[in-house]
Amino acid sequence: MLKLIVSGFNGRMGQVVYRLAKEHPALLPVAGFTQHPVDDAAIPLFSNPDDYKEDADVVIDFSNHDFLSPLLSYCLSRRLPLVLATTGYTETQQAQITAAAEKIPIFQSANMSVGINALIALVQKAAAALGKTWDIEIVEKHHNKKLDAPSGTALMLANAAASALPFAAEYVYERQSVRRPRDKKEIGISAVRGGTIVGDHDVIFAGQNEVIELTHRAQSREVFASGALEAAQFLHQQPAGLYSMQDLLS
């Protein structure tokens, strides 16, 4: 069995990952990393990763981008594969991830859902067929506790569309500050925060007198946790490198 560390254990996603991992025949949760450990947890919890001295095979992280440095340091020192499902990384942090992936296997995805990654492929194909003359807008909706906006998934979708366009796209996050018509090279990205929405993403292709919408609705956090567990099993068999959901699906 693969010995699993859950980083971000006390968070919503950390709890789902732990629950599903307990029921998984090939995975054994052995420890958790969290900012506020409690003594009566089902597994040992640590605020400092270096305080965990026992064996482990892989780490899944659903914590916060601020936790990246100690997490990378721990995994590098132990040569542990790392699944990064956290979003909101800065350019500097992303460079740290890329550098670390030269020494250990790292699986990084802003969204661990298989359905979302299928949507990304569809968006790329639609943008290649329509994007030259159709306007592209992305609307993402999440619960009112989510910290970053737009979501990492919305940016993944925007990047997929932009990669298929015959011009360099400009991402526009708000329109109230500038009064001007929409430029044809724009990809609009809007964020909605409210209630307990798990995660909704709509990609709108607006043409002359017709509209196509590609939509994904996450009905439970289990879709992300299940994907992360699949990624952990996949990653444990890989050499050093930076992997994505496309590598897993292929």
C-alpha atoms as a PDB file:
ATOM      1  CA  MET A   1       0.000   0.000   0.000  1.00  0.00           C
ATOM      2  CA  LEU A   2       1.135   3.524  -0.724  1.00  0.00           C
ATOM      3  CA  LYS A   3       1.661   5.548   2.442  1.00  0.00           C
ATOM      4  CA  LEU A   4      -0.030   8.907   1.898  1.00  0.00           C
ATOM      5  CA  ILE A   5       0.450  12.296   3.564  1.00  0.00           C
ATOM      6  CA  VAL A   6      -2.490  14.706   3.228  1.00  0.00           C
ATOM      7  CA  SER A   7      -1.356  18.334   3.218  1.00  0.00           C
ATOM      8  CA  GLY A   8      -4.164  20.722   4.099  1.00  0.00           C
ATOM      9  CA  PHE A   9      -5.719  17.981   6.231  1.00  0.00           C
ATOM     10  CA  ASN A  10      -8.187  20.200   8.115  1.00  0.00           C
ATOM     11  CA  GLY A  11      -9.528  21.893   4.992  1.00  0.00           C
ATOM     12  CA  ARG A  12     -12.620  20.894   3.046  1.00  0.00           C
ATOM     13  CA  MET A  13     -10.684  19.089   0.349  1.00  0.00           C
ATOM     14  CA  GLY A  14      -8.177  17.587   2.779  1.00  0.00           C
ATOM     15  CA  GLN A  15     -10.991  15.934   4.692  1.00  0.00           C
ATOM     16  CA  VAL A  16     -12.511  14.462   1.529  1.00  0.00           C
ATOM     17  CA  VAL A  17      -9.109  13.177   0.369  1.00  0.00           C
ATOM     18  CA  TYR A  18      -8.540  11.545   3.756  1.00  0.00           C
ATOM     19  CA  ARG A  19     -11.995   9.937   3.816  1.00  0.00           C
ATOM     20  CA  LEU A  20     -11.655   8.464   0.327  1.00  0.00           C
ATOM     21  CA  ALA A  21      -8.064   7.371   0.929  1.00  0.00           C
ATOM     22  CA  LYS A  22      -9.138   5.443   4.065  1.00  0.00           C
ATOM     23  CA  GLU A  23     -11.535   3.452   1.916  1.00  0.00           C
ATOM     24  CA  HIS A  24      -9.047   2.898  -0.905  1.00  0.00           C
ATOM     25  CA  PRO A  25      -7.519  -0.603  -1.131  1.00  0.00           C
ATOM     26  CA  ALA A  26      -4.131   0.662  -2.344  1.00  0.00           C
ATOM     27  CA  LEU A  27      -3.648   3.748  -0.150  1.00  0.00           C
ATOM     28  CA  LEU A  28      -2.920   4.238   3.548  1.00  0.00           C
ATOM     29  CA  PRO A  29      -3.106   7.762   5.062  1.00  0.00           C
ATOM     30  CA  VAL A  30      -0.260   7.989   7.581  1.00  0.00           C
ATOM     31  CA  ALA A  31      -0.018  11.699   8.445  1.00  0.00           C
ATOM     32  CA  GLY A  32      -1.425  15.126   7.741  1.00  0.00           C
ATOM     33  CA  PHE A  33       0.025  18.616   7.457  1.00  0.00           C
ATOM     34  CA  THR A  34      -2.121  21.481   8.717  1.00  0.00           C
ATOM     35  CA  GLN A  35      -1.699  24.944  10.155  1.00  0.00           C
ATOM     36  CA  HIS A  36      -3.642  24.030  13.298  1.00  0.00           C
ATOM     37  CA  PRO A  37      -2.970  20.421  14.413  1.00  0.00           C
ATOM     38  CA  VAL A  38      -5.215  18.787  17.015  1.00  0.00           C
ATOM     39  CA  ASP A  39      -4.207  16.004  19.396  1.00  0.00           C
ATOM     40  CA  ASP A  40      -7.229  13.757  18.906  1.00  0.00           C
ATOM     41  CA  ALA A  41      -7.005  13.432  15.104  1.00  0.00           C
ATOM     42  CA  ALA A  42      -7.282  10.001  13.492  1.00  0.00           C
ATOM     43  CA  ILE A  43      -3.716  10.291  12.149  1.00  0.00           C
ATOM     44  CA  PRO A  44      -0.709  12.340  13.361  1.00  0.00           C
ATOM     45  CA  LEU A  45      -0.875  15.998  12.309  1.00  0.00           C
ATOM     46  CA  PHE A  46       2.012  18.440  11.923  1.00  0.00           C
ATOM     47  CA  SER A  47       2.253  22.162  11.204  1.00  0.00           C
ATOM     48  CA  ASN A  48       5.923  21.746  10.255  1.00  0.00           C
ATOM     49  CA  PRO A  49       6.429  18.965   7.690  1.00  0.00           C
ATOM     50  CA  ASP A  50       9.963  18.289   8.944  1.00  0.00           C
ATOM     51  CA  ASP A  51       8.503  17.111  12.267  1.00  0.00           C
ATOM     52  CA  TYR A  52       7.140  13.975  10.598  1.00  0.00           C
ATOM     53  CA  LYS A  53       9.973  11.433  10.690  1.00  0.00           C
ATOM     54  CA  GLU A  54       8.209   8.232   9.633  1.00  0.00           C
ATOM     55  CA  ASP A  55       7.975   6.642   6.189  1.00  0.00           C
ATOM     56  CA  ALA A  56       5.774   7.954   3.388  1.00  0.00           C
ATOM     57  CA  ASP A  57       5.438   7.333  -0.344  1.00  0.00           C
ATOM     58  CA  VAL A  58       3.561  10.353  -1.701  1.00  0.00           C
ATOM     59  CA  VAL A  59       2.076  13.704  -0.622  1.00  0.00           C
ATOM     60  CA  ILE A  60      -1.208  15.225  -1.809  1.00  0.00           C
ATOM     61  CA  ASP A  61      -1.512  18.960  -1.190  1.00  0.00           C
ATOM     62  CA  PHE A  62      -4.833  20.811  -0.971  1.00  0.00           C
ATOM     63  CA  SER A  63      -3.601  23.531   1.377  1.00  0.00           C
ATOM     64  CA  ASN A  64      -2.621  27.131   0.559  1.00  0.00           C
ATOM     65  CA  HIS A  65      -0.040  28.575  -1.802  1.00  0.00           C
ATOM     66  CA  ASP A  66       1.741  30.131   1.201  1.00  0.00           C
ATOM     67  CA  PHE A  67       2.652  26.610   2.364  1.00  0.00           C
ATOM     68  CA  LEU A  68       4.625  25.819  -0.800  1.00  0.00           C
ATOM     69  CA  SER A  69       8.172  26.506   0.437  1.00  0.00           C
ATOM     70  CA  PRO A  70       8.167  24.201   3.500  1.00  0.00           C
ATOM     71  CA  LEU A  71       6.276  21.565   1.522  1.00  0.00           C
ATOM     72  CA  LEU A  72       8.761  21.582  -1.370  1.00  0.00           C
ATOM     73  CA  SER A  73      11.671  21.561   1.064  1.00  0.00           C
ATOM     74  CA  TYR A  74      10.271  18.501   2.841  1.00  0.00           C
ATOM     75  CA  CYS A  75       9.539  16.564  -0.344  1.00  0.00           C
ATOM     76  CA  LEU A  76      12.925  17.397  -1.848  1.00  0.00           C
ATOM     77  CA  SER A  77      14.765  16.287   1.289  1.00  0.00           C
ATOM     78  CA  ARG A  78      12.822  12.996   1.353  1.00  0.00           C
ATOM     79  CA  ARG A  79      12.655  12.562  -2.451  1.00  0.00           C
ATOM     80  CA  LEU A  80       8.874  12.211  -2.161  1.00  0.00           C
ATOM     81  CA  PRO A  81       6.478  12.540  -5.109  1.00  0.00           C
ATOM     82  CA  LEU A  82       4.145  15.504  -4.668  1.00  0.00           C
ATOM     83  CA  VAL A  83       0.628  16.072  -6.023  1.00  0.00           C
ATOM     84  CA  LEU A  84      -0.109  19.803  -6.042  1.00  0.00           C
ATOM     85  CA  ALA A  85      -3.824  20.607  -6.257  1.00  0.00           C
ATOM     86  CA  THR A  86      -3.503  24.046  -4.661  1.00  0.00           C
ATOM     87  CA  THR A  87      -3.998  27.182  -6.777  1.00  0.00           C
ATOM     88  CA  GLY A  88      -2.995  30.846  -6.593  1.00  0.00           C
ATOM     89  CA  TYR A  89       0.758  30.418  -7.043  1.00  0.00           C
ATOM     90  CA  THR A  90       2.824  33.454  -8.002  1.00  0.00           C
ATOM     91  CA  GLU A  91       5.273  33.407 -10.926  1.00  0.00           C
ATOM     92  CA  THR A  92       8.126  33.020  -8.446  1.00  0.00           C
ATOM     93  CA  GLN A  93       6.426  30.067  -6.754  1.00  0.00           C
ATOM     94  CA  GLN A  94       5.721  28.446 -10.108  1.00  0.00           C
ATOM     95  CA  ALA A  95       9.415  28.747 -10.931  1.00  0.00           C
ATOM     96  CA  GLN A  96      10.182  26.987  -7.629  1.00  0.00           C
ATOM     97  CA  ILE A  97       7.831  24.160  -8.588  1.00  0.00           C
ATOM     98  CA  THR A  98       9.437  23.800 -12.010  1.00  0.00           C
ATOM     99  CA  ALA A  99      12.907  23.710 -10.474  1.00  0.00           C
ATOM    100  CA  ALA A 100      11.869  21.111  -7.869  1.00  0.00           C
ATOM    101  CA  ALA A 101      10.394  18.919 -10.613  1.00  0.00           C
ATOM    102  CA  GLU A 102      13.914  18.437 -11.970  1.00  0.00           C
ATOM    103  CA  LYS A 103      14.646  16.394  -8.837  1.00  0.00           C
ATOM    104  CA  ILE A 104      11.326  14.803  -7.824  1.00  0.00           C
ATOM    105  CA  PRO A 105       8.096  13.871  -9.647  1.00  0.00           C
ATOM    106  CA  ILE A 106       5.474  16.605  -9.225  1.00  0.00           C
ATOM    107  CA  PHE A 107       1.903  16.368 -10.479  1.00  0.00           C
ATOM    108  CA  GLN A 108       0.288  19.795 -10.748  1.00  0.00           C
ATOM    109  CA  SER A 109      -3.239  20.625 -11.788  1.00  0.00           C
ATOM    110  CA  ALA A 110      -5.530  23.476 -10.822  1.00  0.00           C
ATOM    111  CA  ASN A 111      -8.400  21.028 -11.195  1.00  0.00           C
ATOM    112  CA  MET A 112      -8.208  17.277 -10.573  1.00  0.00           C
ATOM    113  CA  SER A 113     -11.574  16.492 -12.185  1.00  0.00           C
ATOM    114  CA  VAL A 114     -11.482  14.188 -15.203  1.00  0.00           C
ATOM    115  CA  GLY A 115     -14.547  16.007 -16.572  1.00  0.00           C
ATOM    116  CA  ILE A 116     -12.877  19.414 -16.392  1.00  0.00           C
ATOM    117  CA  ASN A 117      -9.853  18.112 -18.245  1.00  0.00           C
ATOM    118  CA  ALA A 118     -12.133  16.728 -20.949  1.00  0.00           C
ATOM    119  CA  LEU A 119     -13.732  20.185 -21.092  1.00  0.00           C
ATOM    120  CA  ILE A 120     -10.316  21.758 -21.573  1.00  0.00           C
ATOM    121  CA  ALA A 121      -9.756  19.595 -24.665  1.00  0.00           C
ATOM    122  CA  LEU A 122     -13.186  20.560 -26.037  1.00  0.00           C
ATOM    123  CA  VAL A 123     -12.529  24.263 -25.438  1.00  0.00           C
ATOM    124  CA  GLN A 124      -9.260  24.048 -27.333  1.00  0.00           C
ATOM    125  CA  LYS A 125     -10.987  22.410 -30.300  1.00  0.00           C
ATOM    126  CA  ALA A 126     -13.843  24.933 -30.272  1.00  0.00           C
ATOM    127  CA  ALA A 127     -11.426  27.860 -30.075  1.00  0.00           C
ATOM    128  CA  ALA A 128      -9.481  26.502 -33.047  1.00  0.00           C
ATOM    129  CA  ALA A 129     -12.692  26.276 -35.095  1.00  0.00           C
ATOM    130  CA  LEU A 130     -14.468  29.453 -33.928  1.00  0.00           C
ATOM    131  CA  GLY A 131     -12.080  31.710 -32.045  1.00  0.00           C
ATOM    132  CA  LYS A 132     -10.927  33.797 -35.001  1.00  0.00           C
ATOM    133  CA  THR A 133     -14.320  35.470 -35.356  1.00  0.00           C
ATOM    134  CA  TRP A 134     -16.297  34.455 -32.231  1.00  0.00           C
ATOM    135  CA  ASP A 135     -15.944  36.127 -28.821  1.00  0.00           C
ATOM    136  CA  ILE A 136     -14.838  33.948 -25.905  1.00  0.00           C
ATOM    137  CA  GLU A 137     -15.988  34.583 -22.332  1.00  0.00           C
ATOM    138  CA  ILE A 138     -15.450  32.421 -19.236  1.00  0.00           C
ATOM    139  CA  VAL A 139     -17.619  32.572 -16.106  1.00  0.00           C
ATOM    140  CA  GLU A 140     -16.599  30.630 -12.992  1.00  0.00           C
ATOM    141  CA  LYS A 141     -18.608  30.228  -9.782  1.00  0.00           C
ATOM    142  CA  HIS A 142     -17.374  28.993  -6.403  1.00  0.00           C
ATOM    143  CA  HIS A 143     -18.327  29.011  -2.725  1.00  0.00           C
ATOM    144  CA  ASN A 144     -17.900  32.124  -0.614  1.00  0.00           C
ATOM    145  CA  LYS A 145     -14.820  30.776   1.200  1.00  0.00           C
ATOM    146  CA  LYS A 146     -12.616  30.496  -1.887  1.00  0.00           C
ATOM    147  CA  LEU A 147      -9.621  32.828  -1.640  1.00  0.00           C
ATOM    148  CA  ASP A 148      -8.320  33.255  -5.190  1.00  0.00           C
ATOM    149  CA  ALA A 149     -10.155  34.758  -8.152  1.00  0.00           C
ATOM    150  CA  PRO A 150     -10.353  33.928 -10.939  1.00  0.00           C
ATOM    151  CA  SER A 151     -10.082  30.223 -10.237  1.00  0.00           C
ATOM    152  CA  GLY A 152      -7.099  28.250 -11.425  1.00  0.00           C
ATOM    153  CA  THR A 153      -9.491  26.201 -13.540  1.00  0.00           C
ATOM    154  CA  ALA A 154     -10.798  29.318 -15.304  1.00  0.00           C
ATOM    155  CA  LEU A 155      -7.226  30.208 -16.191  1.00  0.00           C
ATOM    156  CA  MET A 156      -6.624  26.669 -17.459  1.00  0.00           C
ATOM    157  CA  LEU A 157      -9.651  27.044 -19.721  1.00  0.00           C
ATOM    158  CA  ALA A 158      -8.507  30.461 -20.900  1.00  0.00           C
ATOM    159  CA  ASN A 159      -5.039  29.110 -21.637  1.00  0.00           C
ATOM    160  CA  ALA A 160      -6.535  26.215 -23.599  1.00  0.00           C
ATOM    161  CA  ALA A 161      -8.584  28.610 -25.717  1.00  0.00           C
ATOM    162  CA  ALA A 162      -5.698  31.032 -26.189  1.00  0.00           C
ATOM    163  CA  SER A 163      -3.363  28.272 -27.342  1.00  0.00           C
ATOM    164  CA  ALA A 164      -5.650  27.559 -30.306  1.00  0.00           C
ATOM    165  CA  LEU A 165      -6.139  31.158 -31.451  1.00  0.00           C
ATOM    166  CA  PRO A 166      -4.262  32.680 -34.408  1.00  0.00           C
ATOM    167  CA  PHE A 167      -3.409  35.777 -32.338  1.00  0.00           C
ATOM    168  CA  ALA A 168      -2.111  36.631 -28.870  1.00  0.00           C
ATOM    169  CA  ALA A 169      -5.166  36.813 -26.625  1.00  0.00           C
ATOM    170  CA  GLU A 170      -5.591  39.410 -23.874  1.00  0.00           C
ATOM    171  CA  TYR A 171      -7.251  38.282 -20.627  1.00  0.00           C
ATOM    172  CA  VAL A 172      -9.756  40.835 -19.314  1.00  0.00           C
ATOM    173  CA  TYR A 173     -10.911  40.402 -15.709  1.00  0.00           C
ATOM    174  CA  GLU A 174     -13.158  43.438 -15.309  1.00  0.00           C
ATOM    175  CA  ARG A 175     -14.779  45.955 -17.601  1.00  0.00           C
ATOM    176  CA  GLN A 176     -16.185  48.684 -15.378  1.00  0.00           C
ATOM    177  CA  SER A 177     -13.018  50.802 -15.358  1.00  0.00           C
ATOM    178  CA  VAL A 178     -12.779  51.227 -19.142  1.00  0.00           C
ATOM    179  CA  ARG A 179     -15.644  52.348 -21.371  1.00  0.00           C
ATOM    180  CA  ARG A 180     -14.904  50.915 -24.801  1.00  0.00           C
ATOM    181  CA  PRO A 181     -16.209  48.195 -27.114  1.00  0.00           C
ATOM    182  CA  ARG A 182     -14.893  44.674 -26.622  1.00  0.00           C
ATOM    183  CA  ASP A 183     -11.735  43.951 -28.585  1.00  0.00           C
ATOM    184  CA  LYS A 184     -11.786  40.826 -30.762  1.00  0.00           C
ATOM    185  CA  LYS A 185      -8.582  39.556 -29.142  1.00  0.00           C
ATOM    186  CA  GLU A 186     -10.002  39.549 -25.621  1.00  0.00           C
ATOM    187  CA  ILE A 187     -10.893  36.535 -23.502  1.00  0.00           C
ATOM    188  CA  GLY A 188     -13.149  37.729 -20.700  1.00  0.00           C
ATOM    189  CA  ILE A 189     -12.914  35.963 -17.329  1.00  0.00           C
ATOM    190  CA  SER A 190     -15.528  36.618 -14.624  1.00  0.00           C
ATOM    191  CA  ALA A 191     -15.684  35.253 -11.073  1.00  0.00           C
ATOM    192  CA  VAL A 192     -18.763  34.666  -8.907  1.00  0.00           C
ATOM    193  CA  ARG A 193     -18.510  33.834  -5.186  1.00  0.00           C
ATOM    194  CA  GLY A 194     -21.475  32.687  -3.134  1.00  0.00           C
ATOM    195  CA  GLY A 195     -22.977  30.083  -0.865  1.00  0.00           C
ATOM    196  CA  THR A 196     -21.639  26.550  -1.098  1.00  0.00           C
ATOM    197  CA  ILE A 197     -21.099  26.280  -4.870  1.00  0.00           C
ATOM    198  CA  VAL A 198     -18.525  23.519  -5.352  1.00  0.00           C
ATOM    199  CA  GLY A 199     -17.364  24.697  -8.755  1.00  0.00           C
ATOM    200  CA  ASP A 200     -19.142  25.754 -11.960  1.00  0.00           C
ATOM    201  CA  HIS A 201     -17.381  26.757 -15.183  1.00  0.00           C
ATOM    202  CA  ASP A 202     -19.011  28.076 -18.358  1.00  0.00           C
ATOM    203  CA  VAL A 203     -17.084  28.820 -21.546  1.00  0.00           C
ATOM    204  CA  ILE A 204     -19.142  30.977 -23.899  1.00  0.00           C
ATOM    205  CA  PHE A 205     -18.460  31.240 -27.616  1.00  0.00           C
ATOM    206  CA  ALA A 206     -20.562  34.162 -28.913  1.00  0.00           C
ATOM    207  CA  GLY A 207     -20.889  34.553 -32.669  1.00  0.00           C
ATOM    208  CA  GLN A 208     -23.133  36.492 -35.001  1.00  0.00           C
ATOM    209  CA  ASN A 209     -26.709  35.611 -33.958  1.00  0.00           C
ATOM    210  CA  GLU A 210     -25.669  32.343 -32.274  1.00  0.00           C
ATOM    211  CA  VAL A 211     -24.036  31.207 -29.021  1.00  0.00           C
ATOM    212  CA  ILE A 212     -22.335  27.967 -27.970  1.00  0.00           C
ATOM    213  CA  GLU A 213     -21.742  27.233 -24.264  1.00  0.00           C
ATOM    214  CA  LEU A 214     -19.530  24.500 -22.852  1.00  0.00           C
ATOM    215  CA  THR A 215     -20.312  23.855 -19.191  1.00  0.00           C
ATOM    216  CA  HIS A 216     -19.011  21.790 -16.297  1.00  0.00           C
ATOM    217  CA  ARG A 217     -20.746  21.505 -12.913  1.00  0.00           C
ATOM    218  CA  ALA A 218     -18.982  19.846  -9.995  1.00  0.00           C
ATOM    219  CA  GLN A 219     -21.684  18.385  -7.748  1.00  0.00           C
ATOM    220  CA  SER A 220     -19.333  17.095  -5.058  1.00  0.00           C
ATOM    221  CA  ARG A 221     -15.756  17.658  -3.932  1.00  0.00           C
ATOM    222  CA  GLU A 222     -15.230  13.925  -4.349  1.00  0.00           C
ATOM    223  CA  VAL A 223     -14.535  14.425  -8.067  1.00  0.00           C
ATOM    224  CA  PHE A 224     -11.421  16.426  -7.191  1.00  0.00           C
ATOM    225  CA  ALA A 225     -10.311  14.104  -4.388  1.00  0.00           C
ATOM    226  CA  SER A 226     -10.717  11.000  -6.550  1.00  0.00           C
ATOM    227  CA  GLY A 227      -8.621  12.587  -9.269  1.00  0.00           C
ATOM    228  CA  ALA A 228      -5.915  13.469  -6.760  1.00  0.00           C
ATOM    229  CA  LEU A 229      -5.782   9.885  -5.495  1.00  0.00           C
ATOM    230  CA  GLU A 230      -5.436   8.632  -9.070  1.00  0.00           C
ATOM    231  CA  ALA A 231      -2.668  11.161  -9.613  1.00  0.00           C
ATOM    232  CA  ALA A 232      -0.849   9.968  -6.487  1.00  0.00           C
ATOM    233  CA  GLN A 233      -0.835   6.373  -7.702  1.00  0.00           C
ATOM    234  CA  PHE A 234       0.291   7.445 -11.179  1.00  0.00           C
ATOM    235  CA  LEU A 235       3.012   9.740  -9.850  1.00  0.00           C
ATOM    236  CA  HIS A 236       4.569   7.130  -7.571  1.00  0.00           C
ATOM    237  CA  GLN A 237       5.655   5.194 -10.660  1.00  0.00           C
ATOM    238  CA  GLN A 238       7.198   8.151 -12.506  1.00  0.00           C
ATOM    239  CA  PRO A 239      10.714   9.625 -12.628  1.00  0.00           C
ATOM    240  CA  ALA A 240      11.399  13.265 -11.761  1.00  0.00           C
ATOM    241  CA  GLY A 241       9.422  15.703 -13.875  1.00  0.00           C
ATOM    242  CA  LEU A 242       6.403  17.981 -13.947  1.00  0.00           C
ATOM    243  CA  TYR A 243       3.201  16.099 -14.799  1.00  0.00           C
ATOM    244  CA  SER A 244      -0.383  17.153 -15.463  1.00  0.00           C
ATOM    245  CA  MET A 245      -3.800  15.558 -15.776  1.00  0.00           C
ATOM    246  CA  GLN A 246      -3.188  15.180 -19.511  1.00  0.00           C
ATOM    247  CA  ASP A 247      -0.290  12.835 -18.707  1.00  0.00           C
ATOM    248  CA  LEU A 248      -2.546  10.777 -16.467  1.00  0.00           C
ATOM    249  CA  LEU A 249      -5.371  10.591 -18.999  1.00  0.00           C
ATOM    250  CA  SER A 250      -3.043   9.603 -21.829  1.00  0.00           C
END
